[in-house]
């Protein structure tokens, strides 16, 4: 087992001992077996946890697991040669292997695209009268005179 595969294997096991592990891989790699709808994805992100209902086999060659895609199980083969990053999605700590990142993938460009896809929050200018709101004036009690009893 070469050193790079060993590092990926060891780091994945380390994260799985703690909980979740997000594996980022190039699904276009010829040895990767994922559903056809994901096969052209150079940055497929999959979450793993040892408490999954279906068994996960983690060997020194790769990850072999039945994962659910759109609610349908699919037996995946994920060799470490296709893996370019592994991280803990909750703590955001992880490892990226630069030499494994696909040459045609620009991470900076993807980050800019992802940021531009998020809806921008627009702030409105609000004029203040300088007086506290009615709720604050009454000590938090609300006027409920508009409520009526329905029998």
C-alpha atoms as a PDB file:
ATOM      1  CA  UNK A   1       0.000   0.000   0.000  1.00  0.00           C
ATOM      2  CA  UNK A   2       1.488   3.305  -1.024  1.00  0.00           C
ATOM      3  CA  UNK A   3       1.925   6.138   1.463  1.00  0.00           C
ATOM      4  CA  UNK A   4      -0.863   8.335   0.038  1.00  0.00           C
ATOM      5  CA  UNK A   5      -3.494   5.582   0.257  1.00  0.00           C
ATOM      6  CA  UNK A   6      -2.318   4.770   3.783  1.00  0.00           C
ATOM      7  CA  UNK A   7      -2.729   8.404   4.867  1.00  0.00           C
ATOM      8  CA  UNK A   8      -6.254   8.569   3.452  1.00  0.00           C
ATOM      9  CA  UNK A   9      -7.185   5.228   5.028  1.00  0.00           C
ATOM     10  CA  UNK A  10      -5.792   6.193   8.449  1.00  0.00           C
ATOM     11  CA  UNK A  11      -7.382   9.652   8.413  1.00  0.00           C
ATOM     12  CA  UNK A  12     -10.795   8.250   7.424  1.00  0.00           C
ATOM     13  CA  UNK A  13     -10.682   5.700  10.244  1.00  0.00           C
ATOM     14  CA  UNK A  14      -9.635   8.420  12.689  1.00  0.00           C
ATOM     15  CA  UNK A  15     -12.639  10.603  11.778  1.00  0.00           C
ATOM     16  CA  UNK A  16     -15.068   7.678  11.834  1.00  0.00           C
ATOM     17  CA  UNK A  17     -13.987   6.853  15.388  1.00  0.00           C
ATOM     18  CA  UNK A  18     -15.239  10.332  16.335  1.00  0.00           C
ATOM     19  CA  UNK A  19     -18.452  10.316  14.250  1.00  0.00           C
ATOM     20  CA  UNK A  20     -19.159  11.498  10.691  1.00  0.00           C
ATOM     21  CA  UNK A  21     -16.656  11.736   7.858  1.00  0.00           C
ATOM     22  CA  UNK A  22     -17.257  13.598   4.592  1.00  0.00           C
ATOM     23  CA  UNK A  23     -15.375  12.064   1.684  1.00  0.00           C
ATOM     24  CA  UNK A  24     -14.793  14.243  -1.398  1.00  0.00           C
ATOM     25  CA  UNK A  25     -13.920  12.331  -4.540  1.00  0.00           C
ATOM     26  CA  UNK A  26     -13.745  12.501  -8.305  1.00  0.00           C
ATOM     27  CA  UNK A  27     -16.588  10.217  -9.407  1.00  0.00           C
ATOM     28  CA  UNK A  28     -15.235  10.275 -12.986  1.00  0.00           C
ATOM     29  CA  UNK A  29     -12.352   8.041 -11.931  1.00  0.00           C
ATOM     30  CA  UNK A  30     -12.651   4.776 -13.910  1.00  0.00           C
ATOM     31  CA  UNK A  31     -12.683   2.547 -10.809  1.00  0.00           C
ATOM     32  CA  UNK A  32     -15.418   4.535  -9.006  1.00  0.00           C
ATOM     33  CA  UNK A  33     -18.826   2.880  -9.055  1.00  0.00           C
ATOM     34  CA  UNK A  34     -21.676   5.277  -8.167  1.00  0.00           C
ATOM     35  CA  UNK A  35     -25.096   5.862  -9.747  1.00  0.00           C
ATOM     36  CA  UNK A  36     -24.919   7.108 -13.332  1.00  0.00           C
ATOM     37  CA  UNK A  37     -26.453  10.462 -12.334  1.00  0.00           C
ATOM     38  CA  UNK A  38     -23.342  11.198 -10.217  1.00  0.00           C
ATOM     39  CA  UNK A  39     -20.696   9.649 -12.475  1.00  0.00           C
ATOM     40  CA  UNK A  40     -19.649  12.981 -14.075  1.00  0.00           C
ATOM     41  CA  UNK A  41     -19.164  14.769 -10.741  1.00  0.00           C
ATOM     42  CA  UNK A  42     -15.557  15.796 -10.062  1.00  0.00           C
ATOM     43  CA  UNK A  43     -16.438  16.793  -6.498  1.00  0.00           C
ATOM     44  CA  UNK A  44     -18.895  14.218  -5.190  1.00  0.00           C
ATOM     45  CA  UNK A  45     -19.273  14.588  -1.401  1.00  0.00           C
ATOM     46  CA  UNK A  46     -20.469  11.579   0.588  1.00  0.00           C
ATOM     47  CA  UNK A  47     -21.016  11.374   4.347  1.00  0.00           C
ATOM     48  CA  UNK A  48     -20.046   8.189   6.172  1.00  0.00           C
ATOM     49  CA  UNK A  49     -20.718   7.016   9.700  1.00  0.00           C
ATOM     50  CA  UNK A  50     -20.052   3.651  11.328  1.00  0.00           C
ATOM     51  CA  UNK A  51     -23.627   3.622  12.642  1.00  0.00           C
ATOM     52  CA  UNK A  52     -25.198   3.334   9.178  1.00  0.00           C
ATOM     53  CA  UNK A  53     -27.857   0.636   8.849  1.00  0.00           C
ATOM     54  CA  UNK A  54     -26.065  -0.940   5.914  1.00  0.00           C
ATOM     55  CA  UNK A  55     -22.523  -2.257   6.374  1.00  0.00           C
ATOM     56  CA  UNK A  56     -19.530  -0.205   5.283  1.00  0.00           C
ATOM     57  CA  UNK A  57     -16.307  -1.941   4.351  1.00  0.00           C
ATOM     58  CA  UNK A  58     -13.213   0.219   4.648  1.00  0.00           C
ATOM     59  CA  UNK A  59     -10.110  -1.469   3.353  1.00  0.00           C
ATOM     60  CA  UNK A  60      -6.642  -0.270   2.445  1.00  0.00           C
ATOM     61  CA  UNK A  61      -7.795  -0.081  -1.200  1.00  0.00           C
ATOM     62  CA  UNK A  62     -10.963   1.950  -0.749  1.00  0.00           C
ATOM     63  CA  UNK A  63     -14.472   2.252   0.627  1.00  0.00           C
ATOM     64  CA  UNK A  64     -17.170  -0.261  -0.276  1.00  0.00           C
ATOM     65  CA  UNK A  65     -20.651   0.615   0.920  1.00  0.00           C
ATOM     66  CA  UNK A  66     -24.301   0.497  -0.033  1.00  0.00           C
ATOM     67  CA  UNK A  67     -25.459   4.106   0.047  1.00  0.00           C
ATOM     68  CA  UNK A  68     -28.854   5.660  -0.577  1.00  0.00           C
ATOM     69  CA  UNK A  69     -29.256   8.041  -3.516  1.00  0.00           C
ATOM     70  CA  UNK A  70     -32.717   9.597  -3.759  1.00  0.00           C
ATOM     71  CA  UNK A  71     -33.932   6.921  -1.350  1.00  0.00           C
ATOM     72  CA  UNK A  72     -32.616   4.033  -3.463  1.00  0.00           C
ATOM     73  CA  UNK A  73     -29.723   1.855  -2.311  1.00  0.00           C
ATOM     74  CA  UNK A  74     -26.666   1.542  -4.540  1.00  0.00           C
ATOM     75  CA  UNK A  75     -23.548  -0.526  -3.889  1.00  0.00           C
ATOM     76  CA  UNK A  76     -20.640   1.902  -4.305  1.00  0.00           C
ATOM     77  CA  UNK A  77     -16.958   1.308  -4.883  1.00  0.00           C
ATOM     78  CA  UNK A  78     -14.761   4.262  -3.958  1.00  0.00           C
ATOM     79  CA  UNK A  79     -11.008   3.724  -4.381  1.00  0.00           C
ATOM     80  CA  UNK A  80      -8.651   6.039  -2.504  1.00  0.00           C
ATOM     81  CA  UNK A  81      -7.109   7.082  -5.822  1.00  0.00           C
ATOM     82  CA  UNK A  82     -10.314   9.064  -6.490  1.00  0.00           C
ATOM     83  CA  UNK A  83     -10.488  10.633  -2.999  1.00  0.00           C
ATOM     84  CA  UNK A  84      -9.019  14.130  -2.789  1.00  0.00           C
ATOM     85  CA  UNK A  85     -10.331  15.313   0.624  1.00  0.00           C
ATOM     86  CA  UNK A  86     -11.768  13.916   3.853  1.00  0.00           C
ATOM     87  CA  UNK A  87     -13.139  16.053   6.661  1.00  0.00           C
ATOM     88  CA  UNK A  88     -15.433  16.163   9.660  1.00  0.00           C
ATOM     89  CA  UNK A  89     -18.549  18.067   8.504  1.00  0.00           C
ATOM     90  CA  UNK A  90     -19.396  19.264  12.033  1.00  0.00           C
ATOM     91  CA  UNK A  91     -15.985  20.440  13.146  1.00  0.00           C
ATOM     92  CA  UNK A  92     -14.756  21.487   9.690  1.00  0.00           C
ATOM     93  CA  UNK A  93     -11.347  19.958  10.279  1.00  0.00           C
ATOM     94  CA  UNK A  94      -9.948  17.712   7.613  1.00  0.00           C
ATOM     95  CA  UNK A  95      -7.312  16.954   5.064  1.00  0.00           C
ATOM     96  CA  UNK A  96      -6.964  17.800   1.376  1.00  0.00           C
ATOM     97  CA  UNK A  97      -4.503  15.952  -0.832  1.00  0.00           C
ATOM     98  CA  UNK A  98      -3.480  18.443  -3.522  1.00  0.00           C
ATOM     99  CA  UNK A  99      -1.934  15.763  -5.690  1.00  0.00           C
ATOM    100  CA  UNK A 100      -5.305  13.965  -5.865  1.00  0.00           C
ATOM    101  CA  UNK A 101      -7.431  16.980  -6.856  1.00  0.00           C
ATOM    102  CA  UNK A 102      -8.554  16.608 -10.491  1.00  0.00           C
ATOM    103  CA  UNK A 103      -6.491  18.837 -12.777  1.00  0.00           C
ATOM    104  CA  UNK A 104      -9.570  20.311 -14.467  1.00  0.00           C
ATOM    105  CA  UNK A 105     -11.180  21.302 -11.173  1.00  0.00           C
ATOM    106  CA  UNK A 106     -10.646  24.816  -9.849  1.00  0.00           C
ATOM    107  CA  UNK A 107     -11.586  24.897  -6.150  1.00  0.00           C
ATOM    108  CA  UNK A 108     -11.400  28.685  -5.930  1.00  0.00           C
ATOM    109  CA  UNK A 109     -13.778  29.024  -8.873  1.00  0.00           C
ATOM    110  CA  UNK A 110     -16.207  26.546  -7.280  1.00  0.00           C
ATOM    111  CA  UNK A 111     -16.153  28.466  -3.986  1.00  0.00           C
ATOM    112  CA  UNK A 112     -16.984  31.703  -5.819  1.00  0.00           C
ATOM    113  CA  UNK A 113     -19.830  29.997  -7.703  1.00  0.00           C
ATOM    114  CA  UNK A 114     -21.205  28.493  -4.487  1.00  0.00           C
ATOM    115  CA  UNK A 115     -21.121  31.887  -2.781  1.00  0.00           C
ATOM    116  CA  UNK A 116     -22.899  33.558  -5.690  1.00  0.00           C
ATOM    117  CA  UNK A 117     -25.649  30.897  -5.685  1.00  0.00           C
ATOM    118  CA  UNK A 118     -26.653  31.762  -2.113  1.00  0.00           C
ATOM    119  CA  UNK A 119     -29.464  34.292  -1.954  1.00  0.00           C
ATOM    120  CA  UNK A 120     -28.169  37.677  -0.951  1.00  0.00           C
ATOM    121  CA  UNK A 121     -29.859  39.232   2.068  1.00  0.00           C
ATOM    122  CA  UNK A 122     -30.999  42.754   1.364  1.00  0.00           C
ATOM    123  CA  UNK A 123     -31.274  45.141   4.267  1.00  0.00           C
ATOM    124  CA  UNK A 124     -33.992  47.748   4.374  1.00  0.00           C
ATOM    125  CA  UNK A 125     -33.538  51.168   5.888  1.00  0.00           C
ATOM    126  CA  UNK A 126     -35.915  51.673   8.810  1.00  0.00           C
ATOM    127  CA  UNK A 127     -36.720  55.068  10.251  1.00  0.00           C
ATOM    128  CA  UNK A 128     -37.015  55.211  14.013  1.00  0.00           C
ATOM    129  CA  UNK A 129     -39.371  57.510  15.915  1.00  0.00           C
ATOM    130  CA  UNK A 130     -37.153  57.254  18.957  1.00  0.00           C
ATOM    131  CA  UNK A 131     -39.980  55.720  20.993  1.00  0.00           C
ATOM    132  CA  UNK A 132     -39.929  52.115  22.163  1.00  0.00           C
ATOM    133  CA  UNK A 133     -42.310  49.706  20.463  1.00  0.00           C
ATOM    134  CA  UNK A 134     -45.801  49.355  21.949  1.00  0.00           C
ATOM    135  CA  UNK A 135     -44.968  45.845  23.241  1.00  0.00           C
ATOM    136  CA  UNK A 136     -41.955  47.195  25.086  1.00  0.00           C
ATOM    137  CA  UNK A 137     -44.001  50.025  26.600  1.00  0.00           C
ATOM    138  CA  UNK A 138     -46.574  47.629  28.093  1.00  0.00           C
ATOM    139  CA  UNK A 139     -43.964  45.324  29.601  1.00  0.00           C
ATOM    140  CA  UNK A 140     -44.363  42.654  26.933  1.00  0.00           C
ATOM    141  CA  UNK A 141     -48.150  42.271  27.328  1.00  0.00           C
ATOM    142  CA  UNK A 142     -50.028  42.111  24.064  1.00  0.00           C
ATOM    143  CA  UNK A 143     -53.359  43.664  23.274  1.00  0.00           C
ATOM    144  CA  UNK A 144     -55.508  40.620  22.509  1.00  0.00           C
ATOM    145  CA  UNK A 145     -58.786  42.471  22.043  1.00  0.00           C
ATOM    146  CA  UNK A 146     -58.972  41.227  18.485  1.00  0.00           C
ATOM    147  CA  UNK A 147     -59.360  37.631  19.721  1.00  0.00           C
ATOM    148  CA  UNK A 148     -62.802  36.190  20.278  1.00  0.00           C
ATOM    149  CA  UNK A 149     -64.120  32.962  21.742  1.00  0.00           C
ATOM    150  CA  UNK A 150     -65.562  30.503  19.244  1.00  0.00           C
ATOM    151  CA  UNK A 151     -68.041  27.918  20.537  1.00  0.00           C
END
